[in-house]
Protein backbone atom coordinates (compact mmCIF):
# COMPACT_ATOMS: atom_id res chain seq x y z
CA MET A 1 -0.03 0.04 0.06
CA GLY A 2 1.34 3.43 -0.98
CA LYS A 3 1.66 6.41 1.20
CA VAL A 4 -1.55 8.05 -0.36
CA GLU A 5 -3.66 5.00 0.36
CA ASP A 6 -2.24 4.53 3.87
CA LEU A 7 -3.22 8.26 4.77
CA ILE A 8 -6.61 7.85 3.27
CA LYS A 9 -7.49 4.68 5.11
CA LYS A 10 -6.21 6.21 8.39
CA ASN A 11 -8.20 9.35 7.72
CA TYR A 12 -11.42 7.28 6.94
CA GLU A 13 -11.00 5.24 10.24
CA LEU A 14 -10.46 8.50 12.38
CA SER A 15 -13.42 10.31 10.56
CA LYS A 16 -15.87 7.58 12.12
CA LYS A 17 -15.42 9.37 15.27
CA LEU A 18 -17.05 12.53 13.95
CA THR A 19 -20.56 13.26 14.66
CA PRO A 20 -23.11 13.05 11.78
CA GLU A 21 -23.08 17.12 11.56
CA ASN A 22 -19.18 17.39 11.69
CA ASP A 23 -18.97 14.58 9.21
CA GLU A 24 -20.81 16.23 6.61
CA ILE A 25 -18.74 19.34 6.85
CA PHE A 26 -15.66 17.38 7.06
CA THR A 27 -16.77 15.20 3.76
CA SER A 28 -17.28 18.64 2.07
CA ILE A 29 -13.90 19.86 2.82
CA VAL A 30 -12.42 16.51 1.72
CA CYS A 31 -14.17 16.30 -1.36
CA TYR A 32 -13.01 20.27 -2.32
CA LEU A 33 -9.35 19.59 -1.26
CA ARG A 34 -9.02 16.35 -3.20
CA THR A 35 -10.23 17.96 -6.47
CA SER A 36 -8.00 21.16 -6.08
CA GLY A 37 -4.52 21.72 -7.53
CA LEU A 38 -2.97 20.26 -4.41
CA ASP A 39 -0.92 17.06 -4.85
CA GLU A 40 -2.73 13.83 -3.56
CA LEU A 41 -0.20 13.28 -0.85
CA GLU A 42 -0.10 16.64 0.14
CA ALA A 43 -3.96 16.92 0.11
CA GLU A 44 -4.22 13.84 2.26
CA GLU A 45 -1.66 15.24 5.09
CA ILE A 46 -3.78 18.42 5.14
CA ILE A 47 -6.90 16.56 5.61
CA GLN A 48 -5.40 14.61 8.50
CA ASP A 49 -4.43 17.77 9.99
CA ILE A 50 -7.93 19.23 9.52
CA LEU A 51 -9.45 16.06 10.78
CA GLY A 52 -7.52 16.33 14.07
CA MET A 53 -8.73 19.86 14.53
CA PHE A 54 -12.41 18.60 14.05
CA LEU A 55 -11.85 15.93 16.44
CA GLU A 56 -10.13 18.23 19.15
CA ALA A 57 -12.94 20.71 18.61
CA GLN A 58 -15.55 17.85 19.23
CA GLU A 59 -13.99 16.86 22.27
CA ARG A 60 -14.16 20.35 23.61
CA GLY A 61 -17.76 20.52 22.79
CA ASP A 62 -16.88 23.44 20.27
CA GLU A 63 -19.01 23.97 16.90
CA ILE A 64 -16.57 23.72 13.88
CA LYS A 65 -17.29 27.11 12.89
CA GLN A 66 -15.83 28.47 16.07
CA VAL A 67 -12.63 26.81 14.90
CA ILE A 68 -12.32 27.42 11.10
CA GLY A 69 -15.01 30.07 10.57
CA ASP A 70 -18.49 29.50 8.86
CA ASP A 71 -17.15 30.03 5.44
CA TYR A 72 -15.53 26.64 4.83
CA GLN A 73 -14.75 27.32 1.13
CA ALA A 74 -12.60 30.42 2.28
CA PHE A 75 -10.99 28.10 4.74
CA CYS A 76 -9.97 25.71 2.19
CA ASP A 77 -9.05 28.38 -0.41
CA SER A 78 -6.57 29.89 2.26
CA ILE A 79 -4.85 26.43 2.71
CA ILE A 80 -4.52 25.84 -0.94
CA ALA A 81 -3.17 29.53 -1.38
CA THR A 82 -0.66 28.98 1.45
CA SER A 83 0.41 25.59 -0.25
CA GLN A 84 0.83 27.23 -3.69
CA PRO A 85 0.25 24.07 -5.74
CA LYS A 86 2.05 23.99 -9.15
CA ARG A 87 -0.10 23.60 -12.04
CA PHE A 88 2.35 20.77 -13.56
CA THR A 89 4.32 18.21 -11.59
CA TRP A 90 5.52 14.95 -12.61
CA ARG A 91 3.54 13.25 -9.55
CA LYS A 92 0.41 14.90 -11.17
CA LEU A 93 1.11 13.55 -14.58
CA PHE A 94 1.78 9.85 -13.43
CA SER A 95 -1.29 10.23 -11.18
CA ASN A 96 -3.41 11.17 -14.15
CA LEU A 97 -2.03 8.27 -16.21
CA GLU A 98 -2.79 6.03 -13.46
CA ILE A 99 -6.49 7.24 -13.73
CA VAL A 100 -6.41 6.56 -17.52
CA VAL A 101 -5.30 2.96 -17.34
CA TYR A 102 -7.70 2.39 -14.27
CA SER A 103 -10.46 3.74 -16.22
CA VAL A 104 -9.58 1.61 -19.34
CA ALA A 105 -9.52 -1.55 -17.54
CA ILE A 106 -12.77 -0.71 -15.89
CA LEU A 107 -14.31 -0.04 -19.26
CA MET A 108 -12.96 -3.23 -20.67
CA ALA A 109 -14.24 -5.16 -17.93
CA ILE A 110 -17.62 -3.58 -18.48
CA ASP A 111 -17.41 -4.28 -22.06
CA ILE A 112 -16.65 -8.06 -21.55
CA VAL A 113 -19.72 -8.35 -19.12
CA PHE A 114 -22.29 -6.59 -21.63
CA VAL A 115 -20.82 -7.44 -25.01
CA ASN A 116 -18.59 -10.53 -24.86
CA LEU A 117 -20.27 -12.34 -22.31
CA PRO A 118 -23.65 -12.29 -24.17
CA GLN A 119 -22.01 -13.33 -27.49
CA MET A 120 -20.32 -16.13 -25.73
CA ILE A 121 -23.51 -17.44 -24.41
CA ARG A 122 -25.40 -17.14 -27.49
CA GLU A 123 -22.57 -18.94 -29.56
CA GLY A 124 -21.86 -21.45 -26.80
CA ARG A 125 -18.00 -21.17 -26.85
CA LEU A 126 -15.26 -19.25 -25.24
CA LEU A 127 -14.40 -16.06 -26.96
CA LEU A 128 -11.04 -14.62 -25.82
CA ASP A 129 -10.51 -11.99 -28.58
CA PHE A 130 -11.33 -8.39 -27.45
CA ARG A 131 -12.31 -6.38 -30.34
CA VAL A 132 -11.20 -2.60 -30.05
CA SER A 133 -13.73 -0.86 -32.19
CA LEU A 134 -14.43 2.96 -32.94
CA GLY A 135 -17.53 2.68 -30.89
CA PHE A 136 -15.44 1.40 -27.65
CA LEU A 137 -12.82 4.05 -28.21
CA ILE A 138 -15.32 6.96 -28.47
CA GLN A 139 -17.21 5.59 -25.63
CA SER A 140 -14.00 5.23 -23.59
CA ALA A 141 -13.12 8.88 -24.06
CA ILE A 142 -16.44 10.25 -23.44
CA VAL A 143 -16.82 8.20 -20.01
CA PHE A 144 -13.39 9.30 -19.00
CA LEU A 145 -14.00 12.95 -19.81
CA ALA A 146 -17.49 12.64 -18.04
CA ALA A 147 -15.86 11.13 -15.00
CA VAL A 148 -13.08 13.70 -14.81
CA LEU A 149 -15.68 16.68 -15.13
CA ILE A 150 -18.10 15.05 -12.74
CA VAL A 151 -15.29 14.62 -10.02
CA LYS A 152 -14.11 18.33 -10.75
CA TYR A 153 -17.96 19.47 -10.38
CA VAL A 154 -18.61 17.66 -7.22
CA GLY A 155 -15.52 18.93 -5.55
CA LYS A 156 -16.02 22.69 -6.58
CA THR A 157 -19.62 22.55 -5.54
CA SER A 158 -19.09 20.44 -2.41
CA PHE A 159 -20.04 23.26 0.02
CA LYS A 160 -23.16 24.26 -2.11
CA GLU A 161 -24.33 20.78 -1.84
CA LEU A 162 -23.68 20.76 2.01
CA LYS A 163 -26.22 23.89 2.07
CA GLU A 164 -28.74 21.94 -0.30
CA LYS A 165 -28.65 19.26 2.08
CA GLN A 166 -29.26 21.42 5.05
CA LYS A 167 -32.04 22.97 3.30
CA LYS A 168 -33.58 19.52 2.49
CA HIS A 169 -33.63 19.90 -1.16
CA LYS A 170 -32.28 16.40 -2.06
CA TRP A 171 -35.13 15.56 -4.15
CA ARG A 172 -34.01 18.05 -6.86
CA GLN A 173 -30.57 16.74 -6.98
CA PHE A 174 -32.00 13.29 -7.33
CA VAL A 175 -34.30 14.22 -10.21
CA LEU A 176 -31.66 16.10 -12.09
CA THR A 177 -29.06 13.18 -11.54
CA TRP A 178 -31.74 10.74 -12.82
CA VAL A 179 -32.39 12.75 -16.05
CA VAL A 180 -28.76 13.52 -16.90
CA LEU A 181 -27.66 9.92 -16.19
CA SER A 182 -30.47 8.42 -18.52
CA CYS A 183 -29.49 10.98 -21.40
CA PHE A 184 -25.86 9.96 -20.94
CA ILE A 185 -26.55 6.03 -20.85
CA ALA A 186 -28.76 6.64 -24.03
CA LEU A 187 -25.97 8.64 -25.86
CA LEU A 188 -23.33 5.90 -25.04
CA GLY A 189 -25.79 3.05 -26.49
CA LEU A 190 -26.17 4.95 -29.40
CA ILE A 191 -22.67 5.58 -30.22
CA ARG A 192 -21.99 1.70 -29.58
CA TYR A 193 -24.68 0.91 -32.04
CA LYS A 194 -23.61 3.11 -34.74
CA LEU A 195 -19.89 2.72 -34.51
CA ASP A 196 -19.16 -0.55 -33.09
CA PRO A 197 -18.97 -2.35 -36.52
CA VAL A 198 -15.89 -0.21 -37.15
CA VAL A 199 -13.20 -2.67 -35.66
CA PHE A 200 -9.61 -1.49 -35.86
CA PHE A 201 -8.13 -4.72 -34.32
CA SER A 202 -8.34 -7.49 -32.04
CA VAL A 203 -6.20 -8.62 -29.08
CA LYS A 204 -6.17 -11.53 -26.65
CA MET A 205 -8.12 -10.43 -23.31
CA TYR A 206 -5.24 -11.82 -21.22
CA TYR A 207 -2.59 -9.96 -23.15
CA LEU A 208 -4.44 -6.68 -22.63
CA ALA A 209 -5.26 -7.28 -19.04
CA ALA A 210 -1.65 -8.14 -18.01
CA ALA A 211 -0.24 -5.02 -20.20
CA LEU A 212 -2.66 -2.88 -18.37
CA VAL A 213 -1.97 -4.31 -14.79
CA GLY A 214 1.92 -4.00 -15.66
CA LEU A 215 1.61 -0.53 -16.91
CA TYR A 216 -0.46 0.31 -13.93
CA LEU A 217 1.89 -1.06 -11.13
CA LEU A 218 4.93 0.52 -13.19
CA LEU A 219 3.24 4.09 -12.96
CA ARG A 220 2.50 3.66 -9.30
CA ALA A 221 6.04 2.57 -8.52
CA VAL A 222 7.46 5.48 -10.49
CA LYS A 223 5.21 7.97 -8.80
CA GLU A 224 5.97 6.93 -5.34
CA LYS A 225 9.71 7.82 -6.06
CA LEU A 226 8.85 11.34 -7.21
CA PRO A 227 9.00 14.31 -4.73
CA VAL A 228 5.64 16.12 -3.95
CA ASN A 229 6.86 19.34 -5.48
């Protein structure tokens, strides 16, 4: 387990000691910091420090706003400004490449379950060739871009979402999410239906899986050796 994963696990276990109200505030802060320009290791170290402040305040019986103020976003922005994160670092590059490889692996697994597996059942034989089609490539690019944008959006609007929860407007978010997700799935289905016949090449599933696992482990190993700044 890497340093980042170890910190995430420790922070998660400690956060269970928070009261429900404090946990909501802490979760919003975590979302905001993890999607900021901070290096992931630096972000987790800062989150650990903030969690310590929350727990200490909780033990004293103080409200969180007495410790960090009632403008949680401004509090986070001041921390980010103090850290002065760089727009480009090699660690960020390797982290992004990790995400790309991980995303491709997930999309490949989904494709095997929903495309290859039904075909195996129909034909009654084992099919180990994975077809890399235009539909799969475009679908993968769209899903990856959408995932990045959603993560960024959730992080940047985490405090707005906190206020919405406090106002009991969860149903609006649910309806909007359902409509957007339905349209998105329909778009992906249409792309696969129209462009799947355009196949660039086929590769054995186990070769592709081995390559993705090897590349992922290599990226992680190199990233662990790189300095934070």
